[in-house]
Amino acid sequence: MSAIDFKEALALSKESLDIIILHSQKGGPGKTTLSCNIAHELAKRGNKTILIDLDIAQPTIQHIFHIPDNKVNATINDVLLGKKQVSEDVVIETDNPNLYLIVAKENVEYGEGLLSLLEGIQQFSFFALHEMTKFLLRLGFRYIVYDCAPGYRMESVNAAAIADARIFVMRPSTFSFAGAKQMLSSIYKKLAISSLNFFVFNQLPPELKDESQKLLESWKNEIIEMYKPDKIDFLDFLPLSSAIMELGIKGEYIFPEDEPLYKKLTQLVDVVTTNISKMKEKK
């Protein structure tokens, strides 16, 4: 990454840095695809944005953005384990001049090696994420988007603790709904910090029957009621798109502007960013 002038960095460091995380109780609800598209949209709007892959066990962001191995000097693994201080070596440029990445290591050793890696990351991740935030602020980033590992992994919970906005992604299924309720009540409600909470149902089948739509509405209302006295906002019911699925076969995951799902994505980004700004104005 090109060097930043000291005076410019000092001026940029006075700007706000907003942290958005996407999380889920289990894998499979399309959380990573949404993370990539939200980060891409923020950058497209002229915001210096960095997307960070926290899904150490199943990292995919490097593949989604077609980053060759020879462009990866260091990964989030090195930072979270304390093996490497966060620096420009970890930050990767993309074709979008406002969008940068920090990827996770893909050739982790399975078995005991993987378990020890994950345990080490849990022990050091809170400090590492705080240091990373300060470093990225100095570099003038406007947004950090974390694609968190699903479930109760400590690095994901730590990212949730420092986030300005948390977006919980779930599929329209009884299993996903039950798991989401458990996680929201056992983890998110206990993070006693001033942050925004959102949730979204993703990958809805087309042409839902009325009874299915009513059931989803009841689930939405149940989560909102369950979260009280704290607040959680519902973002949208996002449909499953055959056009997006077909693009994925070709290795393309960013929503085209003529795709109806892209319009919903822009509205989602509008709601989240506007509410973060309002929250910070009140502080």
C-alpha atoms as a PDB file:
ATOM      1  CA  MET A   1       0.000   0.000   0.000  1.00  0.00           C
ATOM      2  CA  SER A   2       1.337   3.406  -0.883  1.00  0.00           C
ATOM      3  CA  ALA A   3       2.749   5.480   1.970  1.00  0.00           C
ATOM      4  CA  ILE A   4       0.505   8.135   3.506  1.00  0.00           C
ATOM      5  CA  ASP A   5       1.813  11.638   4.130  1.00  0.00           C
ATOM      6  CA  PHE A   6       2.172  12.292   7.897  1.00  0.00           C
ATOM      7  CA  LYS A   7       0.190  15.550   7.859  1.00  0.00           C
ATOM      8  CA  GLU A   8      -2.540  13.939   5.794  1.00  0.00           C
ATOM      9  CA  ALA A   9      -2.701  10.979   8.175  1.00  0.00           C
ATOM     10  CA  LEU A  10      -2.910  13.280  11.173  1.00  0.00           C
ATOM     11  CA  ALA A  11      -5.831  15.151   9.624  1.00  0.00           C
ATOM     12  CA  LEU A  12      -7.599  11.951   8.625  1.00  0.00           C
ATOM     13  CA  SER A  13      -7.148  10.493  12.098  1.00  0.00           C
ATOM     14  CA  LYS A  14      -9.522  13.151  13.437  1.00  0.00           C
ATOM     15  CA  GLU A  15     -12.310  11.772  11.270  1.00  0.00           C
ATOM     16  CA  SER A  16     -14.769   9.189  12.552  1.00  0.00           C
ATOM     17  CA  LEU A  17     -14.056   5.499  12.147  1.00  0.00           C
ATOM     18  CA  ASP A  18     -17.117   3.281  12.220  1.00  0.00           C
ATOM     19  CA  ILE A  19     -16.966  -0.478  12.811  1.00  0.00           C
ATOM     20  CA  ILE A  20     -19.638  -2.775  11.383  1.00  0.00           C
ATOM     21  CA  ILE A  21     -19.652  -6.519  12.021  1.00  0.00           C
ATOM     22  CA  LEU A  22     -21.690  -9.265  10.413  1.00  0.00           C
ATOM     23  CA  HIS A  23     -22.294 -12.364  12.480  1.00  0.00           C
ATOM     24  CA  SER A  24     -24.442 -15.483  12.472  1.00  0.00           C
ATOM     25  CA  GLN A  25     -25.155 -18.397  14.760  1.00  0.00           C
ATOM     26  CA  LYS A  26     -24.270 -21.027  12.138  1.00  0.00           C
ATOM     27  CA  GLY A  27     -22.600 -20.991   8.743  1.00  0.00           C
ATOM     28  CA  GLY A  28     -24.633 -20.829   5.557  1.00  0.00           C
ATOM     29  CA  PRO A  29     -26.919 -17.758   5.794  1.00  0.00           C
ATOM     30  CA  GLY A  30     -24.894 -15.720   3.271  1.00  0.00           C
ATOM     31  CA  LYS A  31     -23.113 -13.606   5.895  1.00  0.00           C
ATOM     32  CA  THR A  32     -19.824 -13.416   4.004  1.00  0.00           C
ATOM     33  CA  THR A  33     -21.460 -12.418   0.719  1.00  0.00           C
ATOM     34  CA  LEU A  34     -23.333  -9.648   2.542  1.00  0.00           C
ATOM     35  CA  SER A  35     -20.128  -8.530   4.290  1.00  0.00           C
ATOM     36  CA  CYS A  36     -18.307  -8.243   0.967  1.00  0.00           C
ATOM     37  CA  ASN A  37     -21.140  -6.353  -0.693  1.00  0.00           C
ATOM     38  CA  ILE A  38     -21.625  -3.951   2.214  1.00  0.00           C
ATOM     39  CA  ALA A  39     -17.903  -3.150   2.264  1.00  0.00           C
ATOM     40  CA  HIS A  40     -17.882  -2.773  -1.529  1.00  0.00           C
ATOM     41  CA  GLU A  41     -20.865  -0.414  -1.415  1.00  0.00           C
ATOM     42  CA  LEU A  42     -19.314   1.736   1.318  1.00  0.00           C
ATOM     43  CA  ALA A  43     -16.126   2.031  -0.742  1.00  0.00           C
ATOM     44  CA  LYS A  44     -18.103   2.741  -3.891  1.00  0.00           C
ATOM     45  CA  ARG A  45     -19.600   5.751  -2.112  1.00  0.00           C
ATOM     46  CA  GLY A  46     -16.134   7.204  -1.653  1.00  0.00           C
ATOM     47  CA  ASN A  47     -15.407   5.931   1.858  1.00  0.00           C
ATOM     48  CA  LYS A  48     -12.012   4.443   2.611  1.00  0.00           C
ATOM     49  CA  THR A  49     -13.134   1.005   3.778  1.00  0.00           C
ATOM     50  CA  ILE A  50     -11.388  -2.133   4.961  1.00  0.00           C
ATOM     51  CA  LEU A  51     -12.964  -5.597   5.013  1.00  0.00           C
ATOM     52  CA  ILE A  52     -11.442  -8.032   7.516  1.00  0.00           C
ATOM     53  CA  ASP A  53     -11.910 -11.810   7.432  1.00  0.00           C
ATOM     54  CA  LEU A  54     -12.338 -13.097  10.999  1.00  0.00           C
ATOM     55  CA  ASP A  55     -13.548 -16.534   9.929  1.00  0.00           C
ATOM     56  CA  ILE A  56     -10.205 -18.217  10.593  1.00  0.00           C
ATOM     57  CA  ALA A  57     -11.429 -21.794  10.164  1.00  0.00           C
ATOM     58  CA  GLN A  58     -13.160 -21.168   6.825  1.00  0.00           C
ATOM     59  CA  PRO A  59     -11.770 -17.983   5.261  1.00  0.00           C
ATOM     60  CA  THR A  60     -13.178 -16.991   1.872  1.00  0.00           C
ATOM     61  CA  ILE A  61     -12.617 -13.268   1.321  1.00  0.00           C
ATOM     62  CA  GLN A  62      -9.303 -13.829  -0.453  1.00  0.00           C
ATOM     63  CA  HIS A  63     -11.116 -16.063  -2.964  1.00  0.00           C
ATOM     64  CA  ILE A  64     -14.076 -13.735  -3.397  1.00  0.00           C
ATOM     65  CA  PHE A  65     -11.812 -10.851  -4.409  1.00  0.00           C
ATOM     66  CA  HIS A  66      -9.446 -13.098  -6.390  1.00  0.00           C
ATOM     67  CA  ILE A  67      -6.347 -12.133  -4.428  1.00  0.00           C
ATOM     68  CA  PRO A  68      -3.335 -14.256  -5.470  1.00  0.00           C
ATOM     69  CA  ASP A  69      -1.151 -15.718  -2.732  1.00  0.00           C
ATOM     70  CA  ASN A  70       1.830 -13.621  -3.801  1.00  0.00           C
ATOM     71  CA  LYS A  71      -0.064 -10.454  -2.797  1.00  0.00           C
ATOM     72  CA  VAL A  72      -0.572 -11.721   0.766  1.00  0.00           C
ATOM     73  CA  ASN A  73       2.392 -10.711   2.935  1.00  0.00           C
ATOM     74  CA  ALA A  74       0.668 -11.367   6.263  1.00  0.00           C
ATOM     75  CA  THR A  75      -2.779 -12.361   7.478  1.00  0.00           C
ATOM     76  CA  ILE A  76      -5.175 -11.666  10.310  1.00  0.00           C
ATOM     77  CA  ASN A  77      -3.953 -14.918  11.870  1.00  0.00           C
ATOM     78  CA  ASP A  78      -0.492 -13.405  12.440  1.00  0.00           C
ATOM     79  CA  VAL A  79      -1.976 -10.296  14.045  1.00  0.00           C
ATOM     80  CA  LEU A  80      -4.449 -12.116  16.286  1.00  0.00           C
ATOM     81  CA  LEU A  81      -1.753 -14.505  17.504  1.00  0.00           C
ATOM     82  CA  GLY A  82       0.593 -11.649  18.321  1.00  0.00           C
ATOM     83  CA  LYS A  83       3.187 -12.944  15.872  1.00  0.00           C
ATOM     84  CA  LYS A  84       3.139  -9.718  13.879  1.00  0.00           C
ATOM     85  CA  GLN A  85       2.230  -6.163  14.736  1.00  0.00           C
ATOM     86  CA  VAL A  86      -0.514  -4.733  12.600  1.00  0.00           C
ATOM     87  CA  SER A  87       1.116  -2.798   9.782  1.00  0.00           C
ATOM     88  CA  GLU A  88       0.682  -1.948   6.118  1.00  0.00           C
ATOM     89  CA  ASP A  89       2.047  -5.422   5.290  1.00  0.00           C
ATOM     90  CA  VAL A  90      -1.288  -6.883   6.382  1.00  0.00           C
ATOM     91  CA  VAL A  91      -3.416  -4.516   4.270  1.00  0.00           C
ATOM     92  CA  ILE A  92      -4.177  -5.564   0.685  1.00  0.00           C
ATOM     93  CA  GLU A  93      -5.371  -3.260  -2.089  1.00  0.00           C
ATOM     94  CA  THR A  94      -8.240  -4.208  -4.420  1.00  0.00           C
ATOM     95  CA  ASP A  95      -9.373  -2.956  -7.819  1.00  0.00           C
ATOM     96  CA  ASN A  96     -11.558  -0.434  -5.980  1.00  0.00           C
ATOM     97  CA  PRO A  97      -9.203   2.369  -4.813  1.00  0.00           C
ATOM     98  CA  ASN A  98     -11.260   2.854  -1.639  1.00  0.00           C
ATOM     99  CA  LEU A  99     -11.544  -0.823  -0.672  1.00  0.00           C
ATOM    100  CA  TYR A 100      -8.842  -2.742   1.185  1.00  0.00           C
ATOM    101  CA  LEU A 101      -8.727  -6.210   2.710  1.00  0.00           C
ATOM    102  CA  ILE A 102      -7.132  -8.096   5.554  1.00  0.00           C
ATOM    103  CA  VAL A 103      -7.467 -11.782   4.763  1.00  0.00           C
ATOM    104  CA  ALA A 104      -7.210 -14.916   6.873  1.00  0.00           C
ATOM    105  CA  LYS A 105      -4.746 -17.731   6.334  1.00  0.00           C
ATOM    106  CA  GLU A 106      -6.184 -20.470   4.160  1.00  0.00           C
ATOM    107  CA  ASN A 107      -3.725 -23.307   4.638  1.00  0.00           C
ATOM    108  CA  VAL A 108      -4.280 -23.802   8.352  1.00  0.00           C
ATOM    109  CA  GLU A 109      -3.346 -27.239   9.653  1.00  0.00           C
ATOM    110  CA  TYR A 110      -6.341 -29.271  10.738  1.00  0.00           C
ATOM    111  CA  GLY A 111      -6.576 -31.456  13.808  1.00  0.00           C
ATOM    112  CA  GLU A 112      -4.567 -30.418  16.858  1.00  0.00           C
ATOM    113  CA  GLY A 113      -2.766 -27.718  14.880  1.00  0.00           C
ATOM    114  CA  LEU A 114      -6.004 -25.947  14.068  1.00  0.00           C
ATOM    115  CA  LEU A 115      -7.284 -26.276  17.625  1.00  0.00           C
ATOM    116  CA  SER A 116      -4.144 -24.750  19.107  1.00  0.00           C
ATOM    117  CA  LEU A 117      -4.295 -21.931  16.530  1.00  0.00           C
ATOM    118  CA  LEU A 118      -7.886 -21.089  17.455  1.00  0.00           C
ATOM    119  CA  GLU A 119      -7.156 -21.230  21.197  1.00  0.00           C
ATOM    120  CA  GLY A 120      -4.176 -18.896  20.760  1.00  0.00           C
ATOM    121  CA  ILE A 121      -6.272 -16.429  18.790  1.00  0.00           C
ATOM    122  CA  GLN A 122      -8.951 -16.380  21.471  1.00  0.00           C
ATOM    123  CA  GLN A 123      -6.408 -15.474  24.146  1.00  0.00           C
ATOM    124  CA  PHE A 124      -4.946 -12.500  22.275  1.00  0.00           C
ATOM    125  CA  SER A 125      -7.750 -11.282  20.028  1.00  0.00           C
ATOM    126  CA  PHE A 126      -9.275  -8.543  22.197  1.00  0.00           C
ATOM    127  CA  PHE A 127      -6.004  -6.646  22.548  1.00  0.00           C
ATOM    128  CA  ALA A 128      -5.128  -7.234  18.885  1.00  0.00           C
ATOM    129  CA  LEU A 129      -8.470  -5.914  17.623  1.00  0.00           C
ATOM    130  CA  HIS A 130      -8.115  -2.759  19.707  1.00  0.00           C
ATOM    131  CA  GLU A 131      -4.614  -2.139  18.382  1.00  0.00           C
ATOM    132  CA  MET A 132      -5.835  -2.750  14.841  1.00  0.00           C
ATOM    133  CA  THR A 133      -8.598  -0.170  15.261  1.00  0.00           C
ATOM    134  CA  LYS A 134      -6.114   2.477  16.379  1.00  0.00           C
ATOM    135  CA  PHE A 135      -3.781   1.657  13.482  1.00  0.00           C
ATOM    136  CA  LEU A 136      -6.538   1.799  10.847  1.00  0.00           C
ATOM    137  CA  LEU A 137      -7.785   5.087  12.282  1.00  0.00           C
ATOM    138  CA  ARG A 138      -4.316   6.567  11.837  1.00  0.00           C
ATOM    139  CA  LEU A 139      -4.357   5.419   8.199  1.00  0.00           C
ATOM    140  CA  GLY A 140      -7.566   7.355   7.614  1.00  0.00           C
ATOM    141  CA  PHE A 141     -10.058   4.534   7.199  1.00  0.00           C
ATOM    142  CA  ARG A 142     -13.707   5.545   7.475  1.00  0.00           C
ATOM    143  CA  TYR A 143     -15.228   2.080   7.880  1.00  0.00           C
ATOM    144  CA  ILE A 144     -14.101  -1.314   9.119  1.00  0.00           C
ATOM    145  CA  VAL A 145     -16.317  -4.259   8.150  1.00  0.00           C
ATOM    146  CA  TYR A 146     -15.658  -7.528   9.970  1.00  0.00           C
ATOM    147  CA  ASP A 147     -16.869 -10.814   8.515  1.00  0.00           C
ATOM    148  CA  CYS A 148     -17.004 -12.754  11.780  1.00  0.00           C
ATOM    149  CA  ALA A 149     -16.761 -16.481  12.282  1.00  0.00           C
ATOM    150  CA  PRO A 150     -20.187 -17.952  13.023  1.00  0.00           C
ATOM    151  CA  GLY A 151     -21.071 -19.009  16.530  1.00  0.00           C
ATOM    152  CA  TYR A 152     -19.457 -18.225  19.840  1.00  0.00           C
ATOM    153  CA  ARG A 153     -15.808 -17.886  18.835  1.00  0.00           C
ATOM    154  CA  MET A 154     -14.058 -15.396  21.101  1.00  0.00           C
ATOM    155  CA  GLU A 155     -12.589 -13.253  18.327  1.00  0.00           C
ATOM    156  CA  SER A 156     -16.095 -12.763  16.910  1.00  0.00           C
ATOM    157  CA  VAL A 157     -17.501 -11.838  20.310  1.00  0.00           C
ATOM    158  CA  ASN A 158     -14.593  -9.428  20.838  1.00  0.00           C
ATOM    159  CA  ALA A 159     -15.287  -7.799  17.477  1.00  0.00           C
ATOM    160  CA  ALA A 160     -18.937  -7.475  18.485  1.00  0.00           C
ATOM    161  CA  ALA A 161     -17.849  -5.759  21.697  1.00  0.00           C
ATOM    162  CA  ILE A 162     -15.980  -2.974  19.859  1.00  0.00           C
ATOM    163  CA  ALA A 163     -18.450  -2.564  16.988  1.00  0.00           C
ATOM    164  CA  ASP A 164     -20.603   0.485  16.355  1.00  0.00           C
ATOM    165  CA  ALA A 165     -23.167  -1.669  14.563  1.00  0.00           C
ATOM    166  CA  ARG A 166     -23.774  -5.410  14.656  1.00  0.00           C
ATOM    167  CA  ILE A 167     -25.735  -7.101  11.887  1.00  0.00           C
ATOM    168  CA  PHE A 168     -26.971 -10.574  12.753  1.00  0.00           C
ATOM    169  CA  VAL A 169     -27.742 -12.676   9.670  1.00  0.00           C
ATOM    170  CA  MET A 170     -30.089 -15.645   9.712  1.00  0.00           C
ATOM    171  CA  ARG A 171     -31.787 -17.940   7.251  1.00  0.00           C
ATOM    172  CA  PRO A 172     -35.585 -18.333   7.137  1.00  0.00           C
ATOM    173  CA  SER A 173     -35.674 -21.679   8.953  1.00  0.00           C
ATOM    174  CA  THR A 174     -36.830 -22.855  12.372  1.00  0.00           C
ATOM    175  CA  PHE A 175     -33.306 -24.078  13.146  1.00  0.00           C
ATOM    176  CA  SER A 176     -31.680 -20.744  12.279  1.00  0.00           C
ATOM    177  CA  PHE A 177     -34.366 -18.815  14.159  1.00  0.00           C
ATOM    178  CA  ALA A 178     -33.962 -20.873  17.352  1.00  0.00           C
ATOM    179  CA  GLY A 179     -30.172 -20.577  17.263  1.00  0.00           C
ATOM    180  CA  ALA A 180     -30.338 -16.843  16.629  1.00  0.00           C
ATOM    181  CA  LYS A 181     -32.636 -16.267  19.609  1.00  0.00           C
ATOM    182  CA  GLN A 182     -30.302 -18.211  21.859  1.00  0.00           C
ATOM    183  CA  MET A 183     -27.216 -16.327  20.712  1.00  0.00           C
ATOM    184  CA  LEU A 184     -28.825 -12.895  20.838  1.00  0.00           C
ATOM    185  CA  SER A 185     -30.033 -13.470  24.398  1.00  0.00           C
ATOM    186  CA  SER A 186     -26.911 -15.206  25.726  1.00  0.00           C
ATOM    187  CA  ILE A 187     -24.239 -12.986  24.134  1.00  0.00           C
ATOM    188  CA  TYR A 188     -25.460  -9.786  22.519  1.00  0.00           C
ATOM    189  CA  LYS A 189     -27.766  -8.595  25.271  1.00  0.00           C
ATOM    190  CA  LYS A 190     -24.895  -8.952  27.748  1.00  0.00           C
ATOM    191  CA  LEU A 191     -22.553  -6.652  25.830  1.00  0.00           C
ATOM    192  CA  ALA A 192     -23.229  -3.617  27.976  1.00  0.00           C
ATOM    193  CA  ILE A 193     -21.939  -1.009  25.552  1.00  0.00           C
ATOM    194  CA  SER A 194     -23.533   1.659  23.409  1.00  0.00           C
ATOM    195  CA  SER A 195     -23.829   0.017  20.007  1.00  0.00           C
ATOM    196  CA  LEU A 196     -26.516  -0.538  17.417  1.00  0.00           C
ATOM    197  CA  ASN A 197     -28.010  -3.963  16.821  1.00  0.00           C
ATOM    198  CA  PHE A 198     -29.662  -5.096  13.598  1.00  0.00           C
ATOM    199  CA  PHE A 199     -30.872  -8.377  12.174  1.00  0.00           C
ATOM    200  CA  VAL A 200     -31.789  -9.562   8.718  1.00  0.00           C
ATOM    201  CA  PHE A 201     -33.395 -12.649   7.222  1.00  0.00           C
ATOM    202  CA  ASN A 202     -31.406 -13.683   4.151  1.00  0.00           C
ATOM    203  CA  GLN A 203     -31.984 -16.113   1.284  1.00  0.00           C
ATOM    204  CA  LEU A 204     -35.773 -16.123   1.307  1.00  0.00           C
ATOM    205  CA  PRO A 205     -37.236 -18.401  -1.392  1.00  0.00           C
ATOM    206  CA  PRO A 206     -39.192 -16.603  -4.122  1.00  0.00           C
ATOM    207  CA  GLU A 207     -42.979 -16.468  -4.111  1.00  0.00           C
ATOM    208  CA  LEU A 208     -43.496 -17.203  -0.430  1.00  0.00           C
ATOM    209  CA  LYS A 209     -46.923 -18.444   0.557  1.00  0.00           C
ATOM    210  CA  ASP A 210     -48.936 -16.165   2.821  1.00  0.00           C
ATOM    211  CA  GLU A 211     -48.641 -18.532   5.781  1.00  0.00           C
ATOM    212  CA  SER A 212     -44.848 -18.597   5.470  1.00  0.00           C
ATOM    213  CA  GLN A 213     -44.661 -14.805   5.233  1.00  0.00           C
ATOM    214  CA  LYS A 214     -46.849 -14.474   8.339  1.00  0.00           C
ATOM    215  CA  LEU A 215     -44.598 -16.887  10.214  1.00  0.00           C
ATOM    216  CA  LEU A 216     -41.517 -14.872   9.288  1.00  0.00           C
ATOM    217  CA  GLU A 217     -43.227 -11.688  10.438  1.00  0.00           C
ATOM    218  CA  SER A 218     -44.008 -13.344  13.760  1.00  0.00           C
ATOM    219  CA  TRP A 219     -40.345 -14.390  14.138  1.00  0.00           C
ATOM    220  CA  LYS A 220     -39.244 -10.844  13.398  1.00  0.00           C
ATOM    221  CA  ASN A 221     -41.569  -9.449  16.057  1.00  0.00           C
ATOM    222  CA  GLU A 222     -40.547 -12.113  18.561  1.00  0.00           C
ATOM    223  CA  ILE A 223     -36.873 -11.160  18.278  1.00  0.00           C
ATOM    224  CA  ILE A 224     -37.678  -7.462  18.717  1.00  0.00           C
ATOM    225  CA  GLU A 225     -39.797  -8.204  21.813  1.00  0.00           C
ATOM    226  CA  MET A 226     -37.226 -10.629  23.214  1.00  0.00           C
ATOM    227  CA  TYR A 227     -34.505  -7.997  22.962  1.00  0.00           C
ATOM    228  CA  LYS A 228     -36.361  -5.447  25.095  1.00  0.00           C
ATOM    229  CA  PRO A 229     -35.608  -3.325  27.081  1.00  0.00           C
ATOM    230  CA  ASP A 230     -32.651  -3.017  24.721  1.00  0.00           C
ATOM    231  CA  LYS A 231     -33.253  -2.223  21.075  1.00  0.00           C
ATOM    232  CA  ILE A 232     -32.658  -4.297  17.978  1.00  0.00           C
ATOM    233  CA  ASP A 233     -33.795  -3.113  14.539  1.00  0.00           C
ATOM    234  CA  PHE A 234     -34.990  -5.283  11.694  1.00  0.00           C
ATOM    235  CA  LEU A 235     -33.340  -4.490   8.367  1.00  0.00           C
ATOM    236  CA  ASP A 236     -35.050  -6.555   5.680  1.00  0.00           C
ATOM    237  CA  PHE A 237     -36.158  -9.853   4.226  1.00  0.00           C
ATOM    238  CA  LEU A 238     -33.563 -10.458   1.497  1.00  0.00           C
ATOM    239  CA  PRO A 239     -34.603 -12.833  -1.294  1.00  0.00           C
ATOM    240  CA  LEU A 240     -32.615 -15.696  -2.726  1.00  0.00           C
ATOM    241  CA  SER A 241     -31.527 -14.581  -6.200  1.00  0.00           C
ATOM    242  CA  SER A 242     -30.931 -17.137  -8.933  1.00  0.00           C
ATOM    243  CA  ALA A 243     -28.988 -14.495 -10.888  1.00  0.00           C
ATOM    244  CA  ILE A 244     -26.600 -13.963  -7.954  1.00  0.00           C
ATOM    245  CA  MET A 245     -26.250 -17.714  -7.486  1.00  0.00           C
ATOM    246  CA  GLU A 246     -25.322 -18.086 -11.154  1.00  0.00           C
ATOM    247  CA  LEU A 247     -22.715 -15.341 -10.817  1.00  0.00           C
ATOM    248  CA  GLY A 248     -21.271 -17.262  -7.873  1.00  0.00           C
ATOM    249  CA  ILE A 249     -20.693 -20.249 -10.131  1.00  0.00           C
ATOM    250  CA  LYS A 250     -18.420 -17.968 -12.160  1.00  0.00           C
ATOM    251  CA  GLY A 251     -16.657 -16.718  -9.034  1.00  0.00           C
ATOM    252  CA  GLU A 252     -18.419 -13.337  -8.981  1.00  0.00           C
ATOM    253  CA  TYR A 253     -20.076 -12.262  -5.736  1.00  0.00           C
ATOM    254  CA  ILE A 254     -20.579  -8.496  -5.922  1.00  0.00           C
ATOM    255  CA  PHE A 255     -24.178  -7.604  -6.735  1.00  0.00           C
ATOM    256  CA  PRO A 256     -24.635  -5.887 -10.141  1.00  0.00           C
ATOM    257  CA  GLU A 257     -26.433  -2.546 -10.021  1.00  0.00           C
ATOM    258  CA  ASP A 258     -29.278  -3.836 -12.187  1.00  0.00           C
ATOM    259  CA  GLU A 259     -29.986  -6.687  -9.769  1.00  0.00           C
ATOM    260  CA  PRO A 260     -33.024  -6.035  -7.470  1.00  0.00           C
ATOM    261  CA  LEU A 261     -30.994  -7.353  -4.540  1.00  0.00           C
ATOM    262  CA  TYR A 262     -28.518  -4.502  -5.051  1.00  0.00           C
ATOM    263  CA  LYS A 263     -31.260  -1.930  -4.387  1.00  0.00           C
ATOM    264  CA  LYS A 264     -32.112  -3.668  -1.130  1.00  0.00           C
ATOM    265  CA  LEU A 265     -28.434  -3.690  -0.213  1.00  0.00           C
ATOM    266  CA  THR A 266     -28.126   0.078  -0.751  1.00  0.00           C
ATOM    267  CA  GLN A 267     -31.154   0.659   1.455  1.00  0.00           C
ATOM    268  CA  LEU A 268     -29.638  -1.569   4.145  1.00  0.00           C
ATOM    269  CA  VAL A 269     -26.358   0.375   4.027  1.00  0.00           C
ATOM    270  CA  ASP A 270     -28.282   3.670   4.207  1.00  0.00           C
ATOM    271  CA  VAL A 271     -30.112   2.583   7.362  1.00  0.00           C
ATOM    272  CA  VAL A 272     -27.017   1.292   9.145  1.00  0.00           C
ATOM    273  CA  THR A 273     -24.732   4.242   8.350  1.00  0.00           C
ATOM    274  CA  THR A 274     -27.408   6.857   9.083  1.00  0.00           C
ATOM    275  CA  ASN A 275     -28.158   5.307  12.449  1.00  0.00           C
ATOM    276  CA  ILE A 276     -24.472   5.116  13.372  1.00  0.00           C
ATOM    277  CA  SER A 277     -24.118   8.829  12.595  1.00  0.00           C
ATOM    278  CA  LYS A 278     -27.192   9.696  14.692  1.00  0.00           C
ATOM    279  CA  MET A 279     -25.893   7.588  17.595  1.00  0.00           C
ATOM    280  CA  LYS A 280     -22.507   9.327  17.563  1.00  0.00           C
ATOM    281  CA  GLU A 281     -24.075  12.776  17.328  1.00  0.00           C
ATOM    282  CA  LYS A 282     -25.871  12.116  20.616  1.00  0.00           C
ATOM    283  CA  LYS A 283     -22.653  11.219  22.424  1.00  0.00           C
END
